PDB file of N, CA and C in Angstrom:
ATOM      1  N   MET A   1      -9.670  12.794  -1.879  1.00  0.00           N
ATOM      2  CA  MET A   1      -9.434  11.392  -2.152  1.00  0.00           C
ATOM      3  C   MET A   1      -7.975  11.216  -2.596  1.00  0.00           C
ATOM      4  N   VAL A   2      -7.356  10.176  -2.102  1.00  0.00           N
ATOM      5  CA  VAL A   2      -5.986   9.859  -2.474  1.00  0.00           C
ATOM      6  C   VAL A   2      -6.009   8.571  -3.272  1.00  0.00           C
ATOM      7  N   HIS A   3      -5.425   8.593  -4.448  1.00  0.00           N
ATOM      8  CA  HIS A   3      -5.369   7.404  -5.296  1.00  0.00           C
ATOM      9  C   HIS A   3      -4.042   6.704  -5.076  1.00  0.00           C
ATOM     10  N   THR A   4      -4.121   5.508  -4.548  1.00  0.00           N
ATOM     11  CA  THR A   4      -2.920   4.704  -4.376  1.00  0.00           C
ATOM     12  C   THR A   4      -2.798   3.773  -5.587  1.00  0.00           C
ATOM     13  N   PRO A   5      -1.644   3.185  -5.789  1.00  0.00           N
ATOM     14  CA  PRO A   5      -1.500   2.269  -6.920  1.00  0.00           C
ATOM     15  C   PRO A   5      -2.517   1.135  -6.817  1.00  0.00           C
ATOM     16  N   VAL A   6      -2.985   0.659  -7.952  1.00  0.00           N
ATOM     17  CA  VAL A   6      -3.992  -0.400  -7.945  1.00  0.00           C
ATOM     18  C   VAL A   6      -3.435  -1.699  -7.367  1.00  0.00           C
ATOM     19  N   HIS A   7      -2.133  -1.853  -7.343  1.00  0.00           N
ATOM     20  CA  HIS A   7      -1.542  -3.087  -6.844  1.00  0.00           C
ATOM     21  C   HIS A   7      -1.187  -3.014  -5.360  1.00  0.00           C
ATOM     22  N   ALA A   8      -1.448  -1.874  -4.698  1.00  0.00           N
ATOM     23  CA  ALA A   8      -1.079  -1.759  -3.287  1.00  0.00           C
ATOM     24  C   ALA A   8      -2.076  -0.871  -2.552  1.00  0.00           C
ATOM     25  N   SER A   9      -2.581  -1.356  -1.459  1.00  0.00           N
ATOM     26  CA  SER A   9      -3.472  -0.543  -0.644  1.00  0.00           C
ATOM     27  C   SER A   9      -2.642   0.234   0.370  1.00  0.00           C
ATOM     28  N   TRP A  10      -3.299   1.154   1.069  1.00  0.00           N
ATOM     29  CA  TRP A  10      -2.579   1.934   2.071  1.00  0.00           C
ATOM     30  C   TRP A  10      -2.078   1.041   3.196  1.00  0.00           C
ATOM     31  N   ILE A  11      -2.799  -0.014   3.489  1.00  0.00           N
ATOM     32  CA  ILE A  11      -2.349  -0.912   4.556  1.00  0.00           C
ATOM     33  C   ILE A  11      -1.072  -1.644   4.141  1.00  0.00           C
ATOM     34  N   ASN A  12      -0.936  -1.948   2.849  1.00  0.00           N
ATOM     35  CA  ASN A  12       0.308  -2.559   2.370  1.00  0.00           C
ATOM     36  C   ASN A  12       1.483  -1.598   2.571  1.00  0.00           C
ATOM     37  N   GLN A  13       1.236  -0.320   2.339  1.00  0.00           N
ATOM     38  CA  GLN A  13       2.297   0.675   2.510  1.00  0.00           C
ATOM     39  C   GLN A  13       2.721   0.760   3.976  1.00  0.00           C
ATOM     40  N   ILE A  14       1.759   0.675   4.886  1.00  0.00           N
ATOM     41  CA  ILE A  14       2.074   0.702   6.315  1.00  0.00           C
ATOM     42  C   ILE A  14       2.873  -0.533   6.705  1.00  0.00           C
ATOM     43  N   GLU A  15       2.480  -1.688   6.171  1.00  0.00           N
ATOM     44  CA  GLU A  15       3.211  -2.921   6.467  1.00  0.00           C
ATOM     45  C   GLU A  15       4.646  -2.829   5.958  1.00  0.00           C
ATOM     46  N   ILE A  16       4.843  -2.216   4.803  1.00  0.00           N
ATOM     47  CA  ILE A  16       6.197  -2.043   4.271  1.00  0.00           C
ATOM     48  C   ILE A  16       7.019  -1.156   5.198  1.00  0.00           C
ATOM     49  N   PHE A  17       6.411  -0.042   5.657  1.00  0.00           N
ATOM     50  CA  PHE A  17       7.127   0.858   6.557  1.00  0.00           C
ATOM     51  C   PHE A  17       7.538   0.143   7.839  1.00  0.00           C
ATOM     52  N   PHE A  18       6.606  -0.603   8.453  1.00  0.00           N
ATOM     53  CA  PHE A  18       6.945  -1.292   9.695  1.00  0.00           C
ATOM     54  C   PHE A  18       7.961  -2.410   9.463  1.00  0.00           C
ATOM     55  N   SER A  19       7.963  -2.982   8.287  1.00  0.00           N
ATOM     56  CA  SER A  19       8.990  -3.973   7.956  1.00  0.00           C
ATOM     57  C   SER A  19      10.371  -3.310   7.929  1.00  0.00           C
ATOM     58  N   ILE A  20      10.421  -2.114   7.362  1.00  0.00           N
ATOM     59  CA  ILE A  20      11.690  -1.368   7.338  1.00  0.00           C
ATOM     60  C   ILE A  20      12.136  -1.044   8.760  1.00  0.00           C
ATOM     61  N   VAL A  21      11.196  -0.577   9.582  1.00  0.00           N
ATOM     62  CA  VAL A  21      11.524  -0.249  10.977  1.00  0.00           C
ATOM     63  C   VAL A  21      12.043  -1.485  11.702  1.00  0.00           C
ATOM     64  N   GLN A  22      11.394  -2.613  11.488  1.00  0.00           N
ATOM     65  CA  GLN A  22      11.828  -3.831  12.163  1.00  0.00           C
ATOM     66  C   GLN A  22      13.249  -4.209  11.749  1.00  0.00           C
ATOM     67  N   ARG A  23      13.526  -4.149  10.445  1.00  0.00           N
ATOM     68  CA  ARG A  23      14.848  -4.570   9.961  1.00  0.00           C
ATOM     69  C   ARG A  23      15.950  -3.578  10.295  1.00  0.00           C
ATOM     70  N   LYS A  24      15.645  -2.269  10.260  1.00  0.00           N
ATOM     71  CA  LYS A  24      16.696  -1.274  10.425  1.00  0.00           C
ATOM     72  C   LYS A  24      16.810  -0.709  11.830  1.00  0.00           C
ATOM     73  N   VAL A  25      15.795  -0.886  12.647  1.00  0.00           N
ATOM     74  CA  VAL A  25      15.810  -0.267  13.967  1.00  0.00           C
ATOM     75  C   VAL A  25      15.724  -1.287  15.087  1.00  0.00           C
ATOM     76  N   VAL A  26      14.762  -2.162  15.023  1.00  0.00           N
ATOM     77  CA  VAL A  26      14.440  -3.031  16.150  1.00  0.00           C
ATOM     78  C   VAL A  26      15.348  -4.248  16.244  1.00  0.00           C
ATOM     79  N   GLN A  27      15.834  -4.738  15.126  1.00  0.00           N
ATOM     80  CA  GLN A  27      16.671  -5.934  15.186  1.00  0.00           C
ATOM     81  C   GLN A  27      18.134  -5.566  15.129  1.00  0.00           C
ATOM     82  N   PRO A  28      18.998  -6.168  15.856  1.00  0.00           N
ATOM     83  CA  PRO A  28      18.722  -7.262  16.776  1.00  0.00           C
ATOM     84  C   PRO A  28      18.007  -6.739  18.020  1.00  0.00           C
ATOM     85  N   ASN A  29      17.224  -7.592  18.601  1.00  0.00           N
ATOM     86  CA  ASN A  29      16.377  -7.239  19.731  1.00  0.00           C
ATOM     87  C   ASN A  29      17.167  -7.372  21.031  1.00  0.00           C
ATOM     88  N   ASP A  30      18.143  -6.496  21.203  1.00  0.00           N
ATOM     89  CA  ASP A  30      19.024  -6.608  22.374  1.00  0.00           C
ATOM     90  C   ASP A  30      19.109  -5.296  23.158  1.00  0.00           C
ATOM     91  N   PHE A  31      17.981  -4.646  23.364  1.00  0.00           N
ATOM     92  CA  PHE A  31      17.959  -3.379  24.070  1.00  0.00           C
ATOM     93  C   PHE A  31      17.935  -3.614  25.574  1.00  0.00           C
ATOM     94  N   PRO A  32      18.759  -2.886  26.318  1.00  0.00           N
ATOM     95  CA  PRO A  32      18.765  -3.065  27.772  1.00  0.00           C
ATOM     96  C   PRO A  32      17.518  -2.483  28.447  1.00  0.00           C
ATOM     97  N   ASP A  33      16.897  -1.449  27.805  1.00  0.00           N
ATOM     98  CA  ASP A  33      15.686  -0.864  28.393  1.00  0.00           C
ATOM     99  C   ASP A  33      14.871  -0.155  27.312  1.00  0.00           C
ATOM    100  N   LEU A  34      13.658   0.234  27.668  1.00  0.00           N
ATOM    101  CA  LEU A  34      12.748   0.872  26.707  1.00  0.00           C
ATOM    102  C   LEU A  34      13.220   2.256  26.281  1.00  0.00           C
ATOM    103  N   THR A  35      14.014   2.910  27.102  1.00  0.00           N
ATOM    104  CA  THR A  35      14.535   4.227  26.743  1.00  0.00           C
ATOM    105  C   THR A  35      15.402   4.141  25.493  1.00  0.00           C
ATOM    106  N   GLN A  36      16.219   3.115  25.413  1.00  0.00           N
ATOM    107  CA  GLN A  36      17.082   2.947  24.249  1.00  0.00           C
ATOM    108  C   GLN A  36      16.246   2.645  22.992  1.00  0.00           C
ATOM    109  N   VAL A  37      15.178   1.884  23.142  1.00  0.00           N
ATOM    110  CA  VAL A  37      14.280   1.608  22.009  1.00  0.00           C
ATOM    111  C   VAL A  37      13.660   2.911  21.528  1.00  0.00           C
ATOM    112  N   ARG A  38      13.148   3.696  22.475  1.00  0.00           N
ATOM    113  CA  ARG A  38      12.542   4.981  22.127  1.00  0.00           C
ATOM    114  C   ARG A  38      13.532   5.891  21.414  1.00  0.00           C
ATOM    115  N   ASP A  39      14.748   5.991  21.942  1.00  0.00           N
ATOM    116  CA  ASP A  39      15.758   6.860  21.354  1.00  0.00           C
ATOM    117  C   ASP A  39      16.122   6.415  19.935  1.00  0.00           C
ATOM    118  N   ARG A  40      16.254   5.112  19.749  1.00  0.00           N
ATOM    119  CA  ARG A  40      16.605   4.605  18.423  1.00  0.00           C
ATOM    120  C   ARG A  40      15.474   4.837  17.420  1.00  0.00           C
ATOM    121  N   LEU A  41      14.221   4.635  17.870  1.00  0.00           N
ATOM    122  CA  LEU A  41      13.081   4.890  16.985  1.00  0.00           C
ATOM    123  C   LEU A  41      12.979   6.359  16.614  1.00  0.00           C
ATOM    124  N   ARG A  42      13.214   7.245  17.560  1.00  0.00           N
ATOM    125  CA  ARG A  42      13.162   8.685  17.267  1.00  0.00           C
ATOM    126  C   ARG A  42      14.290   9.102  16.332  1.00  0.00           C
ATOM    127  N   ALA A  43      15.460   8.553  16.507  1.00  0.00           N
ATOM    128  CA  ALA A  43      16.570   8.871  15.612  1.00  0.00           C
ATOM    129  C   ALA A  43      16.266   8.390  14.195  1.00  0.00           C
ATOM    130  N   PHE A  44      15.686   7.191  14.088  1.00  0.00           N
ATOM    131  CA  PHE A  44      15.305   6.678  12.775  1.00  0.00           C
ATOM    132  C   PHE A  44      14.247   7.579  12.138  1.00  0.00           C
ATOM    133  N   GLU A  45      13.257   7.985  12.923  1.00  0.00           N
ATOM    134  CA  GLU A  45      12.194   8.854  12.407  1.00  0.00           C
ATOM    135  C   GLU A  45      12.779  10.166  11.879  1.00  0.00           C
ATOM    136  N   ASP A  46      13.689  10.769  12.627  1.00  0.00           N
ATOM    137  CA  ASP A  46      14.313  12.024  12.187  1.00  0.00           C
ATOM    138  C   ASP A  46      15.080  11.830  10.884  1.00  0.00           C
ATOM    139  N   ARG A  47      15.865  10.757  10.816  1.00  0.00           N
ATOM    140  CA  ARG A  47      16.645  10.495   9.605  1.00  0.00           C
ATOM    141  C   ARG A  47      15.736  10.180   8.419  1.00  0.00           C
ATOM    142  N   TYR A  48      14.709   9.375   8.660  1.00  0.00           N
ATOM    143  CA  TYR A  48      13.772   8.984   7.594  1.00  0.00           C
ATOM    144  C   TYR A  48      13.041  10.211   7.048  1.00  0.00           C
ATOM    145  N   ASN A  49      12.552  11.062   7.951  1.00  0.00           N
ATOM    146  CA  ASN A  49      11.828  12.254   7.515  1.00  0.00           C
ATOM    147  C   ASN A  49      12.730  13.242   6.777  1.00  0.00           C
ATOM    148  N   ALA A  50      14.002  13.292   7.128  1.00  0.00           N
ATOM    149  CA  ALA A  50      14.931  14.206   6.470  1.00  0.00           C
ATOM    150  C   ALA A  50      15.298  13.738   5.063  1.00  0.00           C
ATOM    151  N   THR A  51      15.275  12.437   4.839  1.00  0.00           N
ATOM    152  CA  THR A  51      15.721  11.909   3.535  1.00  0.00           C
ATOM    153  C   THR A  51      14.580  11.431   2.646  1.00  0.00           C
ATOM    154  N   ALA A  52      13.364  11.335   3.190  1.00  0.00           N
ATOM    155  CA  ALA A  52      12.233  10.815   2.410  1.00  0.00           C
ATOM    156  C   ALA A  52      11.892  11.761   1.265  1.00  0.00           C
ATOM    157  N   GLN A  53      11.492  11.175   0.152  1.00  0.00           N
ATOM    158  CA  GLN A  53      11.072  11.944  -1.011  1.00  0.00           C
ATOM    159  C   GLN A  53       9.719  11.446  -1.463  1.00  0.00           C
ATOM    160  N   PRO A  54       8.922  12.348  -2.034  1.00  0.00           N
ATOM    161  CA  PRO A  54       7.595  11.919  -2.497  1.00  0.00           C
ATOM    162  C   PRO A  54       7.701  10.826  -3.551  1.00  0.00           C
ATOM    163  N   PHE A  55       6.769   9.916  -3.492  1.00  0.00           N
ATOM    164  CA  PHE A  55       6.709   8.844  -4.477  1.00  0.00           C
ATOM    165  C   PHE A  55       6.108   9.398  -5.761  1.00  0.00           C
ATOM    166  N   GLN A  56       6.698   9.090  -6.873  1.00  0.00           N
ATOM    167  CA  GLN A  56       6.187   9.539  -8.161  1.00  0.00           C
ATOM    168  C   GLN A  56       5.222   8.491  -8.702  1.00  0.00           C
ATOM    169  N   TRP A  57       3.918   8.748  -8.540  1.00  0.00           N
ATOM    170  CA  TRP A  57       2.908   7.811  -8.998  1.00  0.00           C
ATOM    171  C   TRP A  57       2.918   7.704 -10.502  1.00  0.00           C
ATOM    172  N   LYS A  58       2.770   6.512 -11.006  1.00  0.00           N
ATOM    173  CA  LYS A  58       2.689   6.302 -12.444  1.00  0.00           C
ATOM    174  C   LYS A  58       1.246   6.104 -12.876  1.00  0.00           C
ATOM    175  N   PHE A  59       0.337   6.043 -11.922  1.00  0.00           N
ATOM    176  CA  PHE A  59      -1.084   5.868 -12.203  1.00  0.00           C
ATOM    177  C   PHE A  59      -1.682   7.253 -12.383  1.00  0.00           C
ATOM    178  N   THR A  60      -1.903   7.645 -13.624  1.00  0.00           N
ATOM    179  CA  THR A  60      -2.354   8.996 -13.940  1.00  0.00           C
ATOM    180  C   THR A  60      -3.875   9.090 -13.940  1.00  0.00           C
ATOM    181  N   THR A  61      -4.379  10.299 -14.085  1.00  0.00           N
ATOM    182  CA  THR A  61      -5.833  10.475 -14.157  1.00  0.00           C
ATOM    183  C   THR A  61      -6.396   9.827 -15.412  1.00  0.00           C
ATOM    184  N   SER A  62      -5.638   9.823 -16.494  1.00  0.00           N
ATOM    185  CA  SER A  62      -6.133   9.137 -17.696  1.00  0.00           C
ATOM    186  C   SER A  62      -6.165   7.623 -17.475  1.00  0.00           C
ATOM    187  N   ASP A  63      -5.208   7.089 -16.706  1.00  0.00           N
ATOM    188  CA  ASP A  63      -5.256   5.666 -16.345  1.00  0.00           C
ATOM    189  C   ASP A  63      -6.508   5.379 -15.516  1.00  0.00           C
ATOM    190  N   LEU A  64      -6.837   6.294 -14.617  1.00  0.00           N
ATOM    191  CA  LEU A  64      -8.045   6.132 -13.813  1.00  0.00           C
ATOM    192  C   LEU A  64      -9.293   6.161 -14.694  1.00  0.00           C
ATOM    193  N   ASP A  65      -9.336   7.094 -15.645  1.00  0.00           N
ATOM    194  CA  ASP A  65     -10.476   7.156 -16.567  1.00  0.00           C
ATOM    195  C   ASP A  65     -10.620   5.852 -17.344  1.00  0.00           C
ATOM    196  N   ASP A  66      -9.513   5.305 -17.823  1.00  0.00           N
ATOM    197  CA  ASP A  66      -9.543   4.028 -18.555  1.00  0.00           C
ATOM    198  C   ASP A  66     -10.052   2.894 -17.664  1.00  0.00           C
ATOM    199  N   LEU A  67      -9.575   2.852 -16.423  1.00  0.00           N
ATOM    200  CA  LEU A  67     -10.011   1.823 -15.492  1.00  0.00           C
ATOM    201  C   LEU A  67     -11.510   1.926 -15.220  1.00  0.00           C
ATOM    202  N   LEU A  68     -11.992   3.134 -14.987  1.00  0.00           N
ATOM    203  CA  LEU A  68     -13.414   3.325 -14.726  1.00  0.00           C
ATOM    204  C   LEU A  68     -14.262   2.950 -15.941  1.00  0.00           C
ATOM    205  N   ALA A  69     -13.777   3.262 -17.133  1.00  0.00           N
ATOM    206  CA  ALA A  69     -14.509   2.890 -18.345  1.00  0.00           C
ATOM    207  C   ALA A  69     -14.594   1.369 -18.474  1.00  0.00           C
ATOM    208  N   ARG A  70     -13.487   0.669 -18.166  1.00  0.00           N
ATOM    209  CA  ARG A  70     -13.502  -0.801 -18.219  1.00  0.00           C
ATOM    210  C   ARG A  70     -14.473  -1.368 -17.193  1.00  0.00           C
ATOM    211  N   LEU A  71     -14.492  -0.777 -16.004  1.00  0.00           N
ATOM    212  CA  LEU A  71     -15.414  -1.240 -14.972  1.00  0.00           C
ATOM    213  C   LEU A  71     -16.865  -0.986 -15.364  1.00  0.00           C
ATOM    214  N   ASP A  72     -17.119   0.144 -16.021  1.00  0.00           N
ATOM    215  CA  ASP A  72     -18.482   0.456 -16.459  1.00  0.00           C
ATOM    216  C   ASP A  72     -18.987  -0.549 -17.486  1.00  0.00           C
ATOM    217  N   ARG A  73     -18.080  -1.120 -18.254  1.00  0.00           N
ATOM    218  CA  ARG A  73     -18.495  -2.094 -19.267  1.00  0.00           C
ATOM    219  C   ARG A  73     -18.946  -3.414 -18.649  1.00  0.00           C
ATOM    220  N   HIS A  74     -18.596  -3.646 -17.406  1.00  0.00           N
ATOM    221  CA  HIS A  74     -18.951  -4.888 -16.716  1.00  0.00           C
ATOM    222  C   HIS A  74     -19.999  -4.589 -15.655  1.00  0.00           C
ATOM    223  N   THR A  75     -21.252  -4.628 -16.033  1.00  0.00           N
ATOM    224  CA  THR A  75     -22.342  -4.342 -15.098  1.00  0.00           C
ATOM    225  C   THR A  75     -22.695  -5.604 -14.334  1.00  0.00           C
ATOM    226  N   PRO A  76     -23.394  -5.460 -13.206  1.00  0.00           N
ATOM    227  CA  PRO A  76     -23.816  -6.658 -12.458  1.00  0.00           C
ATOM    228  C   PRO A  76     -24.674  -7.595 -13.309  1.00  0.00           C
ATOM    229  N   ALA A  77     -25.485  -7.061 -14.232  1.00  0.00           N
ATOM    230  CA  ALA A  77     -26.305  -7.917 -15.098  1.00  0.00           C
ATOM    231  C   ALA A  77     -25.409  -8.792 -15.973  1.00  0.00           C
ATOM    232  N   ASP A  78     -24.325  -8.229 -16.463  1.00  0.00           N
ATOM    233  CA  ASP A  78     -23.375  -9.010 -17.271  1.00  0.00           C
ATOM    234  C   ASP A  78     -22.788 -10.152 -16.453  1.00  0.00           C
ATOM    235  N   ARG A  79     -22.446  -9.881 -15.210  1.00  0.00           N
ATOM    236  CA  ARG A  79     -21.856 -10.914 -14.363  1.00  0.00           C
ATOM    237  C   ARG A  79     -22.863 -12.014 -14.067  1.00  0.00           C
ATOM    238  N   GLN A  80     -24.119 -11.640 -13.830  1.00  0.00           N
ATOM    239  CA  GLN A  80     -25.145 -12.638 -13.555  1.00  0.00           C
ATOM    240  C   GLN A  80     -25.377 -13.514 -14.786  1.00  0.00           C
ATOM    241  N   GLU A  81     -25.382 -12.887 -15.957  1.00  0.00           N
ATOM    242  CA  GLU A  81     -25.556 -13.659 -17.201  1.00  0.00           C
ATOM    243  C   GLU A  81     -24.404 -14.618 -17.401  1.00  0.00           C
ATOM    244  N   GLU A  82     -23.158 -14.168 -17.135  1.00  0.00           N
ATOM    245  CA  GLU A  82     -22.000 -15.034 -17.270  1.00  0.00           C
ATOM    246  C   GLU A  82     -22.089 -16.210 -16.300  1.00  0.00           C
ATOM    247  N   SER A  83     -22.573 -15.967 -15.075  1.00  0.00           N
ATOM    248  CA  SER A  83     -22.703 -17.032 -14.100  1.00  0.00           C
ATOM    249  C   SER A  83     -23.738 -18.055 -14.546  1.00  0.00           C
ATOM    250  N   SER A  84     -24.834 -17.589 -15.133  1.00  0.00           N
ATOM    251  CA  SER A  84     -25.878 -18.486 -15.605  1.00  0.00           C
ATOM    252  C   SER A  84     -25.357 -19.371 -16.738  1.00  0.00           C
ATOM    253  N   VAL A  85     -24.575 -18.772 -17.636  1.00  0.00           N
ATOM    254  CA  VAL A  85     -24.004 -19.528 -18.758  1.00  0.00           C
ATOM    255  C   VAL A  85     -23.030 -20.581 -18.221  1.00  0.00           C
ATOM    256  N   ALA A  86     -22.223 -20.222 -17.241  1.00  0.00           N
ATOM    257  CA  ALA A  86     -21.247 -21.148 -16.681  1.00  0.00           C
ATOM    258  C   ALA A  86     -21.952 -22.304 -15.979  1.00  0.00           C
ATOM    259  N   LEU A  87     -23.046 -22.036 -15.296  1.00  0.00           N
ATOM    260  CA  LEU A  87     -23.774 -23.104 -14.602  1.00  0.00           C
ATOM    261  C   LEU A  87     -24.453 -24.054 -15.591  1.00  0.00           C
ATOM    262  N   ALA A  88     -24.902 -23.501 -16.725  1.00  0.00           N
ATOM    263  CA  ALA A  88     -25.579 -24.321 -17.727  1.00  0.00           C
ATOM    264  C   ALA A  88     -24.598 -25.248 -18.453  1.00  0.00           C
ATOM    265  N   ALA A  89     -23.337 -24.868 -18.491  1.00  0.00           N
ATOM    266  CA  ALA A  89     -22.348 -25.631 -19.242  1.00  0.00           C
ATOM    267  C   ALA A  89     -21.917 -26.887 -18.560  1.00  0.00           C
TER     268      ALA A  89
END
C-alpha cells in the first residue's frame, strides 16, 4: 500500500505531471510532424528522470494512526444520530 498525502490523490499527481509536460514540452503547439513531438517528449522524459528526486512525505505513520483513531470515533451510528437531530431541529 502506498500512502499519498491526504490532500492529493494519485490522479491529482498525474494531472500535475501532464500539466508540466503541456507547459514545458507541448506548447507552443507548432510541431511540423509527430516525429518532432516524439523526440521532444523523449528528451523531456530523459531530463526529468535524471533530475527527479523522491518526494519527502510529511504524513508519517503516527499521523496515519491519529487519523484512523479520529475516524474510529465517528461510527455510522453516530452519523445517523446526528442526522436525526438535525432533521428534528
